[in-house]
Amino acid sequence: MVEDLNLNDFMENGIAHGEDKSFKAGIKNNNCTGKIDKNLIISELKKIFDPEIPVSIYDLGLIYEIDCLDNCNVNIKMSLTAPACPVAGELPKEVSEKVSSIDNVGEVDVKLIWEPAWTKDMMSEDAKLLLDIN
């Protein structure tokens, strides 16, 4: 008899399609009284590449929202190209760790979401050109 198992028990990294999951990094920055420049965060995100596609996660359109808070904390909502993506647990964790390494950034909360579902239309024009997608 199988007891209390759900779909997450059978998914790599415990992430199933439809489940939002949060990844956190960094520490509270009590000396900060302003917002982090969003362009610094975007610059860091453009250094993170999808392992299967030679394009940054930012240009792929996987970053849905970046919210820079007044206390130097950052909230990010992102998705993946597919629910069964093999890096489902690793990519959001990498995002939270890289963004938290920016000077003066406090806590970083990266939420992996599935709505709206990612489509190739979310890619930047540069990414579409690189991948020869019209």
C-alpha atoms as a PDB file:
ATOM      1  CA  MET A   1       0.000   0.000   0.000  1.00  0.00           C
ATOM      2  CA  VAL A   2       1.309   3.475  -0.933  1.00  0.00           C
ATOM      3  CA  GLU A   3       0.837   6.067   1.789  1.00  0.00           C
ATOM      4  CA  ASP A   4       0.427   9.818   1.302  1.00  0.00           C
ATOM      5  CA  LEU A   5       2.261  10.040  -2.029  1.00  0.00           C
ATOM      6  CA  ASN A   6       1.512  12.767  -4.516  1.00  0.00           C
ATOM      7  CA  LEU A   7       2.828  13.779  -7.926  1.00  0.00           C
ATOM      8  CA  ASN A   8       5.755  15.680  -6.375  1.00  0.00           C
ATOM      9  CA  ASP A   9       7.117  12.442  -4.986  1.00  0.00           C
ATOM     10  CA  PHE A  10       7.718  11.263  -8.538  1.00  0.00           C
ATOM     11  CA  MET A  11       9.019  14.533 -10.038  1.00  0.00           C
ATOM     12  CA  GLU A  12      12.703  15.438 -10.149  1.00  0.00           C
ATOM     13  CA  ASN A  13      13.412  18.157  -7.560  1.00  0.00           C
ATOM     14  CA  GLY A  14       9.850  17.809  -6.229  1.00  0.00           C
ATOM     15  CA  ILE A  15       8.349  20.294  -8.672  1.00  0.00           C
ATOM     16  CA  ALA A  16       5.218  19.405 -10.585  1.00  0.00           C
ATOM     17  CA  HIS A  17       3.497  21.412 -13.280  1.00  0.00           C
ATOM     18  CA  GLY A  18       1.015  23.767 -11.728  1.00  0.00           C
ATOM     19  CA  GLU A  19       2.863  24.033  -8.430  1.00  0.00           C
ATOM     20  CA  ASP A  20       4.337  27.419  -7.586  1.00  0.00           C
ATOM     21  CA  LYS A  21       7.556  27.132  -5.618  1.00  0.00           C
ATOM     22  CA  SER A  22       9.700  29.763  -3.934  1.00  0.00           C
ATOM     23  CA  PHE A  23      13.503  29.898  -3.764  1.00  0.00           C
ATOM     24  CA  LYS A  24      15.227  32.286  -1.363  1.00  0.00           C
ATOM     25  CA  ALA A  25      18.765  33.530  -0.933  1.00  0.00           C
ATOM     26  CA  GLY A  26      20.582  36.446   0.669  1.00  0.00           C
ATOM     27  CA  ILE A  27      20.255  38.009   4.064  1.00  0.00           C
ATOM     28  CA  LYS A  28      18.323  40.938   5.461  1.00  0.00           C
ATOM     29  CA  ASN A  29      20.173  44.191   4.800  1.00  0.00           C
ATOM     30  CA  ASN A  30      19.387  46.459   7.767  1.00  0.00           C
ATOM     31  CA  ASN A  31      21.575  49.280   6.403  1.00  0.00           C
ATOM     32  CA  CYS A  32      19.616  49.728   3.181  1.00  0.00           C
ATOM     33  CA  THR A  33      17.055  52.470   2.809  1.00  0.00           C
ATOM     34  CA  GLY A  34      16.535  52.494  -0.954  1.00  0.00           C
ATOM     35  CA  LYS A  35      15.776  50.334  -3.935  1.00  0.00           C
ATOM     36  CA  ILE A  36      18.283  48.331  -5.924  1.00  0.00           C
ATOM     37  CA  ASP A  37      18.651  49.457  -9.532  1.00  0.00           C
ATOM     38  CA  LYS A  38      16.578  47.039 -11.613  1.00  0.00           C
ATOM     39  CA  ASN A  39      19.135  47.307 -14.443  1.00  0.00           C
ATOM     40  CA  LEU A  40      21.777  45.708 -12.186  1.00  0.00           C
ATOM     41  CA  ILE A  41      19.480  42.747 -11.671  1.00  0.00           C
ATOM     42  CA  ILE A  42      18.707  42.448 -15.380  1.00  0.00           C
ATOM     43  CA  SER A  43      22.421  42.565 -16.153  1.00  0.00           C
ATOM     44  CA  GLU A  44      23.028  39.652 -13.762  1.00  0.00           C
ATOM     45  CA  LEU A  45      20.087  37.676 -15.162  1.00  0.00           C
ATOM     46  CA  LYS A  46      21.495  38.032 -18.668  1.00  0.00           C
ATOM     47  CA  LYS A  47      24.525  36.023 -17.457  1.00  0.00           C
ATOM     48  CA  ILE A  48      22.373  32.986 -16.652  1.00  0.00           C
ATOM     49  CA  PHE A  49      21.787  30.728 -19.629  1.00  0.00           C
ATOM     50  CA  ASP A  50      19.302  27.962 -20.207  1.00  0.00           C
ATOM     51  CA  PRO A  51      21.447  24.817 -20.269  1.00  0.00           C
ATOM     52  CA  GLU A  52      19.767  23.503 -23.432  1.00  0.00           C
ATOM     53  CA  ILE A  53      19.488  26.758 -25.391  1.00  0.00           C
ATOM     54  CA  PRO A  54      22.387  29.212 -25.848  1.00  0.00           C
ATOM     55  CA  VAL A  55      20.269  32.191 -24.750  1.00  0.00           C
ATOM     56  CA  SER A  56      19.986  33.932 -21.387  1.00  0.00           C
ATOM     57  CA  ILE A  57      16.921  33.249 -19.295  1.00  0.00           C
ATOM     58  CA  TYR A  58      16.104  36.963 -19.461  1.00  0.00           C
ATOM     59  CA  ASP A  59      16.128  37.042 -23.275  1.00  0.00           C
ATOM     60  CA  LEU A  60      14.142  33.802 -23.364  1.00  0.00           C
ATOM     61  CA  GLY A  61      11.401  35.669 -21.509  1.00  0.00           C
ATOM     62  CA  LEU A  62      11.495  33.405 -18.470  1.00  0.00           C
ATOM     63  CA  ILE A  63      11.620  36.369 -16.079  1.00  0.00           C
ATOM     64  CA  TYR A  64       8.058  37.613 -15.708  1.00  0.00           C
ATOM     65  CA  GLU A  65       8.489  40.200 -12.966  1.00  0.00           C
ATOM     66  CA  ILE A  66      11.255  41.914 -10.983  1.00  0.00           C
ATOM     67  CA  ASP A  67      10.117  43.845  -7.925  1.00  0.00           C
ATOM     68  CA  CYS A  68      12.789  45.906  -6.167  1.00  0.00           C
ATOM     69  CA  LEU A  69      11.560  46.735  -2.678  1.00  0.00           C
ATOM     70  CA  ASP A  70      12.439  49.781  -0.552  1.00  0.00           C
ATOM     71  CA  ASN A  71      14.461  47.624   1.867  1.00  0.00           C
ATOM     72  CA  CYS A  72      16.817  46.344  -0.899  1.00  0.00           C
ATOM     73  CA  ASN A  73      15.026  43.019  -1.040  1.00  0.00           C
ATOM     74  CA  VAL A  74      14.056  41.680  -4.456  1.00  0.00           C
ATOM     75  CA  ASN A  75      11.110  39.539  -5.517  1.00  0.00           C
ATOM     76  CA  ILE A  76      11.268  37.786  -8.878  1.00  0.00           C
ATOM     77  CA  LYS A  77       8.602  35.762 -10.657  1.00  0.00           C
ATOM     78  CA  MET A  78       9.839  33.423 -13.345  1.00  0.00           C
ATOM     79  CA  SER A  79       8.819  30.402 -15.340  1.00  0.00           C
ATOM     80  CA  LEU A  80      10.518  27.680 -17.357  1.00  0.00           C
ATOM     81  CA  THR A  81      10.229  26.723 -21.006  1.00  0.00           C
ATOM     82  CA  ALA A  82       8.467  23.493 -20.035  1.00  0.00           C
ATOM     83  CA  PRO A  83       7.031  22.036 -16.825  1.00  0.00           C
ATOM     84  CA  ALA A  84       9.216  18.935 -17.123  1.00  0.00           C
ATOM     85  CA  CYS A  85      12.365  21.029 -17.537  1.00  0.00           C
ATOM     86  CA  PRO A  86      15.276  19.074 -16.034  1.00  0.00           C
ATOM     87  CA  VAL A  87      16.594  22.212 -14.289  1.00  0.00           C
ATOM     88  CA  ALA A  88      13.292  23.048 -12.606  1.00  0.00           C
ATOM     89  CA  GLY A  89      14.865  23.083  -9.167  1.00  0.00           C
ATOM     90  CA  GLU A  90      18.272  24.415 -10.165  1.00  0.00           C
ATOM     91  CA  LEU A  91      17.555  27.428 -12.382  1.00  0.00           C
ATOM     92  CA  PRO A  92      15.379  29.397  -9.908  1.00  0.00           C
ATOM     93  CA  LYS A  93      17.895  28.615  -7.162  1.00  0.00           C
ATOM     94  CA  GLU A  94      20.711  29.941  -9.379  1.00  0.00           C
ATOM     95  CA  VAL A  95      18.690  33.101 -10.026  1.00  0.00           C
ATOM     96  CA  SER A  96      18.175  33.732  -6.302  1.00  0.00           C
ATOM     97  CA  GLU A  97      21.844  33.131  -5.516  1.00  0.00           C
ATOM     98  CA  LYS A  98      23.235  35.285  -8.363  1.00  0.00           C
ATOM     99  CA  VAL A  99      20.906  38.218  -7.678  1.00  0.00           C
ATOM    100  CA  SER A 100      21.638  38.062  -3.938  1.00  0.00           C
ATOM    101  CA  SER A 101      25.364  38.382  -4.751  1.00  0.00           C
ATOM    102  CA  ILE A 102      24.845  41.920  -6.127  1.00  0.00           C
ATOM    103  CA  ASP A 103      26.196  44.596  -3.755  1.00  0.00           C
ATOM    104  CA  ASN A 104      23.614  45.865  -1.242  1.00  0.00           C
ATOM    105  CA  VAL A 105      20.926  43.385  -2.291  1.00  0.00           C
ATOM    106  CA  GLY A 106      19.215  41.872   0.721  1.00  0.00           C
ATOM    107  CA  GLU A 107      16.885  38.909   0.574  1.00  0.00           C
ATOM    108  CA  VAL A 108      15.920  37.564  -2.834  1.00  0.00           C
ATOM    109  CA  ASP A 109      12.728  35.573  -3.254  1.00  0.00           C
ATOM    110  CA  VAL A 110      12.336  33.835  -6.609  1.00  0.00           C
ATOM    111  CA  LYS A 111       8.917  32.374  -7.225  1.00  0.00           C
ATOM    112  CA  LEU A 112       8.586  29.758  -9.944  1.00  0.00           C
ATOM    113  CA  ILE A 113       5.164  30.190 -11.554  1.00  0.00           C
ATOM    114  CA  TRP A 114       3.324  28.492 -14.403  1.00  0.00           C
ATOM    115  CA  GLU A 115       0.702  31.066 -15.352  1.00  0.00           C
ATOM    116  CA  PRO A 116       0.840  32.454 -17.882  1.00  0.00           C
ATOM    117  CA  ALA A 117       2.493  29.529 -19.602  1.00  0.00           C
ATOM    118  CA  TRP A 118       5.740  30.436 -21.367  1.00  0.00           C
ATOM    119  CA  THR A 119       5.631  30.684 -25.161  1.00  0.00           C
ATOM    120  CA  LYS A 120       8.257  31.577 -27.755  1.00  0.00           C
ATOM    121  CA  ASP A 121       6.457  34.923 -28.208  1.00  0.00           C
ATOM    122  CA  MET A 122       7.907  35.978 -24.832  1.00  0.00           C
ATOM    123  CA  MET A 123      11.458  35.841 -26.224  1.00  0.00           C
ATOM    124  CA  SER A 124      13.338  39.033 -27.033  1.00  0.00           C
ATOM    125  CA  GLU A 125      13.898  39.879 -30.688  1.00  0.00           C
ATOM    126  CA  ASP A 126      17.618  39.161 -30.202  1.00  0.00           C
ATOM    127  CA  ALA A 127      16.856  35.665 -28.901  1.00  0.00           C
ATOM    128  CA  LYS A 128      14.470  34.958 -31.770  1.00  0.00           C
ATOM    129  CA  LEU A 129      17.115  36.101 -34.263  1.00  0.00           C
ATOM    130  CA  LEU A 130      19.811  33.968 -32.608  1.00  0.00           C
ATOM    131  CA  LEU A 131      17.571  30.886 -32.682  1.00  0.00           C
ATOM    132  CA  ASP A 132      16.194  31.684 -36.162  1.00  0.00           C
ATOM    133  CA  ILE A 133      12.603  31.947 -34.929  1.00  0.00           C
ATOM    134  CA  ASN A 134      10.185  34.245 -36.756  1.00  0.00           C
END
